[in-house]
């Protein structure tokens, strides 16, 4: 507890909380989009995150760690996961819309098993490490403390993604169509919109964000089988905290989880494994529909 009286330590924990929260937000916002529009409980989202991390590692390794190889890996992860999502949605998932949630849940869980085994077939069961991108292995001097460059960049990328998603959803025709699909898909179809195409686009974008988040997380975590198990739980906690389908709810939920994770492990080390669930329980007792959710939200 004496560490909390150290301003430098508090600064590091504060920045680590934001960095972790922004990385989680990038991943969780894709799940929020899919849940909000498709009403599908996508357990495969964590597996897509893991696959994206592997794709980034493969790209960096194949290019020998050349300058820019990491960012090519980030782009490759988003593109490949988007293509995978396109095939899954058009070939299988589209036939499950309107079915009971248990059927959709079993389907996405099957995708988790398939993607997990596919990853083991391609990359084995070893752990891999992705180095920091060129030029981001050092630290930024704030005068009173130095903070690593890459985690600081994650803070910026998270904000850019949040603002970009907000502008896309609120200021573009495609965004208005997506919001309309969330509210009343039957009316949207009656107006002549291609709702199946909207669903495909949403699933592709959401899954690409999972791959993007996995690639961005690769330098700070060990890339290995099973890394999807923890992240999918954290993403669902963020979505529940923020409210179903809420972009800014996910943003605040991810930040809250980041702070609880970083500061909670210092203040309450014995409660480390349950702090996130306590946070979720507390918010649900206060607002059962989440921070930015709606009290009455009927699926269509």
Protein backbone atom coordinates (compact mmCIF):
# COMPACT_ATOMS: atom_id res chain seq x y z
CA UNK A 1 0.00 0.00 0.00
CA UNK A 2 2.94 2.32 0.57
CA UNK A 3 3.53 2.22 -3.18
CA UNK A 4 0.29 4.16 -3.68
CA UNK A 5 1.95 7.13 -1.99
CA UNK A 6 4.63 7.17 -4.71
CA UNK A 7 3.61 9.62 -7.50
CA UNK A 8 5.80 7.87 -10.06
CA UNK A 9 4.24 4.50 -9.30
CA UNK A 10 0.76 6.00 -9.50
CA UNK A 11 1.63 7.51 -12.88
CA UNK A 12 2.83 4.15 -14.22
CA UNK A 13 -0.28 2.38 -12.95
CA UNK A 14 -2.52 5.10 -14.36
CA UNK A 15 -0.93 4.87 -17.81
CA UNK A 16 -0.87 1.05 -17.72
CA UNK A 17 -4.59 1.09 -16.89
CA UNK A 18 -5.38 3.29 -19.90
CA UNK A 19 -3.11 1.27 -22.20
CA UNK A 20 -4.71 -2.03 -21.16
CA UNK A 21 -8.18 -0.51 -21.34
CA UNK A 22 -7.66 0.82 -24.87
CA UNK A 23 -6.34 -2.52 -26.11
CA UNK A 24 -9.36 -4.27 -24.56
CA UNK A 25 -11.67 -1.66 -26.08
CA UNK A 26 -10.42 -2.32 -29.62
CA UNK A 27 -11.26 -5.99 -29.17
CA UNK A 28 -14.51 -5.52 -27.26
CA UNK A 29 -15.95 -2.90 -29.62
CA UNK A 30 -16.10 -5.56 -32.34
CA UNK A 31 -18.05 -7.84 -30.02
CA UNK A 32 -20.32 -4.93 -29.07
CA UNK A 33 -21.07 -4.28 -32.72
CA UNK A 34 -21.89 -7.93 -33.43
CA UNK A 35 -24.06 -8.32 -30.33
CA UNK A 36 -25.86 -5.04 -30.91
CA UNK A 37 -26.77 -5.67 -34.57
CA UNK A 38 -26.76 -9.44 -35.12
CA UNK A 39 -27.90 -10.41 -31.60
CA UNK A 40 -25.44 -13.29 -31.74
CA UNK A 41 -23.49 -14.33 -28.63
CA UNK A 42 -20.19 -14.69 -30.44
CA UNK A 43 -17.89 -16.82 -28.30
CA UNK A 44 -15.54 -17.12 -31.28
CA UNK A 45 -14.46 -13.50 -30.85
CA UNK A 46 -11.66 -14.51 -28.48
CA UNK A 47 -10.43 -17.15 -30.93
CA UNK A 48 -10.29 -14.48 -33.65
CA UNK A 49 -8.22 -12.33 -31.27
CA UNK A 50 -5.79 -15.22 -30.79
CA UNK A 51 -5.57 -15.92 -34.52
CA UNK A 52 -4.80 -12.25 -35.18
CA UNK A 53 -1.88 -12.39 -32.74
CA UNK A 54 -0.52 -15.46 -34.49
CA UNK A 55 -0.86 -13.83 -37.91
CA UNK A 56 1.08 -10.80 -36.66
CA UNK A 57 3.85 -13.03 -35.29
CA UNK A 58 4.06 -14.97 -38.55
CA UNK A 59 4.30 -11.78 -40.61
CA UNK A 60 7.03 -10.30 -38.43
CA UNK A 61 8.96 -13.61 -38.45
CA UNK A 62 8.58 -14.11 -42.22
CA UNK A 63 9.91 -10.60 -42.91
CA UNK A 64 12.77 -11.10 -40.48
CA UNK A 65 11.67 -8.29 -38.20
CA UNK A 66 12.27 -5.70 -40.91
CA UNK A 67 11.20 -2.10 -40.41
CA UNK A 68 7.44 -1.89 -40.81
CA UNK A 69 6.94 -5.65 -40.55
CA UNK A 70 4.92 -5.29 -37.35
CA UNK A 71 2.47 -2.86 -38.92
CA UNK A 72 2.16 -5.10 -41.95
CA UNK A 73 1.34 -7.87 -39.47
CA UNK A 74 -1.36 -5.70 -37.89
CA UNK A 75 -2.94 -5.03 -41.29
CA UNK A 76 -2.62 -8.69 -42.28
CA UNK A 77 -4.33 -9.79 -39.05
CA UNK A 78 -7.30 -7.48 -39.64
CA UNK A 79 -7.62 -8.50 -43.30
CA UNK A 80 -7.28 -12.25 -42.75
CA UNK A 81 -9.74 -12.26 -39.84
CA UNK A 82 -12.14 -10.21 -41.92
CA UNK A 83 -11.93 -12.76 -44.73
CA UNK A 84 -12.40 -15.64 -42.29
CA UNK A 85 -15.45 -13.91 -40.85
CA UNK A 86 -16.87 -13.37 -44.34
CA UNK A 87 -16.63 -17.09 -45.12
CA UNK A 88 -18.10 -18.11 -41.74
CA UNK A 89 -20.98 -15.64 -41.90
CA UNK A 90 -21.95 -16.23 -45.53
CA UNK A 91 -21.45 -19.98 -45.40
CA UNK A 92 -22.83 -20.89 -41.99
CA UNK A 93 -23.86 -18.20 -39.52
CA UNK A 94 -26.45 -16.52 -41.76
CA UNK A 95 -28.65 -19.62 -41.50
CA UNK A 96 -28.83 -19.30 -37.71
CA UNK A 97 -30.29 -15.79 -37.47
CA UNK A 98 -33.63 -15.95 -35.74
CA UNK A 99 -32.79 -19.24 -34.06
CA UNK A 100 -32.69 -19.52 -30.29
CA UNK A 101 -29.59 -18.19 -28.58
CA UNK A 102 -28.49 -21.64 -27.45
CA UNK A 103 -28.13 -22.78 -31.07
CA UNK A 104 -26.05 -19.71 -31.93
CA UNK A 105 -23.98 -20.19 -28.78
CA UNK A 106 -23.19 -23.82 -29.65
CA UNK A 107 -22.26 -22.78 -33.19
CA UNK A 108 -19.83 -20.07 -32.09
CA UNK A 109 -18.36 -22.42 -29.48
CA UNK A 110 -17.76 -24.94 -32.27
CA UNK A 111 -15.92 -22.20 -34.18
CA UNK A 112 -13.76 -21.65 -31.09
CA UNK A 113 -12.73 -25.33 -31.12
CA UNK A 114 -12.09 -25.34 -34.86
CA UNK A 115 -10.05 -22.13 -34.86
CA UNK A 116 -8.12 -23.28 -31.79
CA UNK A 117 -7.19 -26.60 -33.40
CA UNK A 118 -6.35 -24.85 -36.66
CA UNK A 119 -3.97 -22.55 -34.80
CA UNK A 120 -2.28 -25.55 -33.16
CA UNK A 121 -1.93 -27.28 -36.54
CA UNK A 122 -0.28 -24.20 -38.07
CA UNK A 123 1.80 -22.85 -35.18
CA UNK A 124 2.03 -25.72 -32.71
CA UNK A 125 1.73 -25.30 -28.96
CA UNK A 126 4.84 -23.21 -28.27
CA UNK A 127 4.78 -19.68 -26.92
CA UNK A 128 5.94 -16.88 -29.21
CA UNK A 129 7.00 -13.33 -28.52
CA UNK A 130 6.56 -10.39 -30.87
CA UNK A 131 9.13 -7.61 -30.40
CA UNK A 132 8.08 -3.99 -30.13
CA UNK A 133 7.88 -2.19 -33.48
CA UNK A 134 10.98 -0.33 -34.66
CA UNK A 135 11.31 3.01 -32.94
CA UNK A 136 8.90 2.09 -30.16
CA UNK A 137 11.17 0.04 -27.93
CA UNK A 138 12.21 3.01 -25.85
CA UNK A 139 10.38 5.38 -23.54
CA UNK A 140 8.90 8.86 -23.65
CA UNK A 141 10.29 11.30 -21.10
CA UNK A 142 7.54 13.22 -19.28
CA UNK A 143 10.07 15.05 -17.13
CA UNK A 144 9.09 13.45 -13.85
CA UNK A 145 8.98 9.91 -15.27
CA UNK A 146 9.60 7.91 -18.41
CA UNK A 147 6.91 5.69 -19.90
CA UNK A 148 7.38 2.99 -22.59
CA UNK A 149 6.54 4.20 -26.09
CA UNK A 150 4.46 1.27 -27.32
CA UNK A 151 1.92 1.14 -24.45
CA UNK A 152 1.60 4.91 -24.86
CA UNK A 153 0.84 4.41 -28.54
CA UNK A 154 -1.88 1.90 -27.62
CA UNK A 155 -3.59 4.67 -25.64
CA UNK A 156 -3.62 6.85 -28.75
CA UNK A 157 -4.75 4.06 -31.09
CA UNK A 158 -7.64 3.19 -28.79
CA UNK A 159 -8.90 6.78 -28.83
CA UNK A 160 -8.49 6.97 -32.62
CA UNK A 161 -10.50 3.76 -33.07
CA UNK A 162 -13.22 5.05 -30.74
CA UNK A 163 -13.54 8.38 -32.54
CA UNK A 164 -13.34 6.69 -35.95
CA UNK A 165 -16.08 4.22 -35.03
CA UNK A 166 -18.25 7.02 -33.63
CA UNK A 167 -17.86 9.10 -36.79
CA UNK A 168 -18.56 6.08 -39.00
CA UNK A 169 -21.69 5.10 -37.06
CA UNK A 170 -23.13 8.56 -36.58
CA UNK A 171 -22.03 10.57 -39.61
CA UNK A 172 -22.17 8.14 -42.54
CA UNK A 173 -25.01 6.49 -44.44
CA UNK A 174 -23.60 3.04 -43.66
CA UNK A 175 -23.52 3.90 -39.98
CA UNK A 176 -27.14 5.04 -40.04
CA UNK A 177 -28.11 1.76 -41.72
CA UNK A 178 -26.29 -0.22 -39.02
CA UNK A 179 -28.07 1.74 -36.28
CA UNK A 180 -31.38 1.16 -38.03
CA UNK A 181 -30.67 -2.56 -38.19
CA UNK A 182 -30.10 -2.50 -34.44
CA UNK A 183 -33.47 -0.86 -33.80
CA UNK A 184 -35.80 -2.47 -36.38
CA UNK A 185 -34.39 -4.83 -39.00
CA UNK A 186 -37.83 -5.69 -40.44
CA UNK A 187 -38.55 -2.04 -41.23
CA UNK A 188 -35.08 -1.68 -42.73
CA UNK A 189 -35.78 -4.61 -45.05
CA UNK A 190 -39.18 -3.17 -45.95
CA UNK A 191 -37.43 0.02 -47.06
CA UNK A 192 -35.47 -2.00 -49.58
CA UNK A 193 -32.15 -2.34 -47.76
CA UNK A 194 -30.10 -5.50 -48.17
CA UNK A 195 -30.17 -6.59 -44.52
CA UNK A 196 -28.12 -9.81 -45.08
CA UNK A 197 -25.37 -7.66 -46.62
CA UNK A 198 -25.47 -5.37 -43.58
CA UNK A 199 -25.14 -8.38 -41.31
CA UNK A 200 -22.18 -9.67 -43.28
CA UNK A 201 -20.46 -6.28 -43.12
CA UNK A 202 -21.00 -5.98 -39.38
CA UNK A 203 -19.64 -9.46 -38.68
CA UNK A 204 -16.61 -8.84 -40.90
CA UNK A 205 -15.83 -5.47 -39.27
CA UNK A 206 -16.32 -6.84 -35.75
CA UNK A 207 -14.07 -9.83 -36.41
CA UNK A 208 -11.43 -7.67 -38.11
CA UNK A 209 -11.32 -5.54 -34.95
CA UNK A 210 -10.71 -8.71 -32.93
CA UNK A 211 -7.80 -9.59 -35.22
CA UNK A 212 -6.51 -6.02 -35.01
CA UNK A 213 -6.66 -6.10 -31.23
CA UNK A 214 -4.85 -9.44 -31.16
CA UNK A 215 -2.05 -8.12 -33.34
CA UNK A 216 -1.67 -4.97 -31.23
CA UNK A 217 -1.62 -7.07 -28.04
CA UNK A 218 1.06 -9.43 -29.39
CA UNK A 219 4.08 -7.40 -28.17
CA UNK A 220 2.76 -7.26 -24.59
CA UNK A 221 1.53 -10.84 -24.14
CA UNK A 222 2.80 -14.33 -24.89
CA UNK A 223 1.24 -15.59 -28.12
CA UNK A 224 0.13 -19.12 -27.29
CA UNK A 225 -2.84 -21.51 -27.43
CA UNK A 226 -5.52 -20.70 -24.88
CA UNK A 227 -4.87 -16.96 -24.84
CA UNK A 228 -8.42 -16.54 -26.13
CA UNK A 229 -10.04 -17.93 -22.97
CA UNK A 230 -9.32 -14.92 -20.76
CA UNK A 231 -9.92 -12.25 -23.36
CA UNK A 232 -13.42 -13.42 -24.29
CA UNK A 233 -14.49 -13.25 -20.63
CA UNK A 234 -13.05 -9.74 -20.33
CA UNK A 235 -14.80 -8.66 -23.53
CA UNK A 236 -18.18 -9.91 -22.33
CA UNK A 237 -17.65 -8.13 -19.00
CA UNK A 238 -16.94 -4.91 -20.89
CA UNK A 239 -20.02 -5.29 -23.09
CA UNK A 240 -22.23 -6.04 -20.07
CA UNK A 241 -20.82 -3.10 -18.10
CA UNK A 242 -21.18 -0.68 -21.00
CA UNK A 243 -24.59 -1.79 -22.22
CA UNK A 244 -25.56 -3.88 -25.22
CA UNK A 245 -24.54 -2.25 -28.49
CA UNK A 246 -23.11 0.92 -26.93
CA UNK A 247 -19.79 2.13 -28.37
CA UNK A 248 -19.06 4.63 -25.61
CA UNK A 249 -20.33 2.17 -23.03
CA UNK A 250 -17.67 -0.28 -24.21
CA UNK A 251 -15.10 2.52 -24.11
CA UNK A 252 -15.84 3.36 -20.48
CA UNK A 253 -16.26 -0.31 -19.58
CA UNK A 254 -12.82 -1.12 -20.99
CA UNK A 255 -11.25 1.77 -19.09
CA UNK A 256 -12.98 0.69 -15.89
CA UNK A 257 -11.74 -2.86 -16.31
CA UNK A 258 -8.23 -1.61 -17.03
CA UNK A 259 -8.14 0.46 -13.84
CA UNK A 260 -9.67 -2.29 -11.72
CA UNK A 261 -7.14 -4.79 -13.08
CA UNK A 262 -4.07 -2.59 -12.58
CA UNK A 263 -4.90 -0.90 -9.29
CA UNK A 264 -6.92 -3.77 -7.86
CA UNK A 265 -4.01 -6.18 -8.05
CA UNK A 266 -1.96 -3.75 -5.92
CA UNK A 267 -4.65 -2.79 -3.41
CA UNK A 268 -6.40 -6.18 -3.16
CA UNK A 269 -3.86 -8.77 -4.41
CA UNK A 270 -5.79 -11.68 -2.89
CA UNK A 271 -8.91 -10.69 -4.83
CA UNK A 272 -7.19 -10.35 -8.19
CA UNK A 273 -9.22 -13.07 -9.93
CA UNK A 274 -12.64 -11.79 -8.88
CA UNK A 275 -12.27 -8.01 -9.02
CA UNK A 276 -13.63 -7.79 -12.58
CA UNK A 277 -16.70 -9.80 -11.59
CA UNK A 278 -17.25 -7.61 -8.53
CA UNK A 279 -17.09 -4.55 -10.78
CA UNK A 280 -19.65 -6.08 -13.15
CA UNK A 281 -21.93 -7.12 -10.28
CA UNK A 282 -21.81 -3.66 -8.73
CA UNK A 283 -22.74 -1.91 -11.97
CA UNK A 284 -25.52 -4.40 -12.76
CA UNK A 285 -27.03 -3.90 -9.30
CA UNK A 286 -27.03 -0.17 -9.98
CA UNK A 287 -28.02 -0.28 -13.68
CA UNK A 288 -29.10 -3.77 -14.81
CA UNK A 289 -28.95 -2.67 -18.46
CA UNK A 290 -25.38 -1.32 -18.25
CA UNK A 291 -23.91 2.19 -18.20
CA UNK A 292 -25.18 3.24 -21.63
CA UNK A 293 -27.77 0.51 -22.23
CA UNK A 294 -31.52 0.98 -22.37
CA UNK A 295 -33.91 -0.25 -19.72
CA UNK A 296 -36.29 -1.64 -22.29
CA UNK A 297 -34.67 -3.03 -25.39
CA UNK A 298 -36.66 -5.56 -27.36
CA UNK A 299 -34.85 -7.62 -29.99
CA UNK A 300 -36.31 -7.51 -33.50
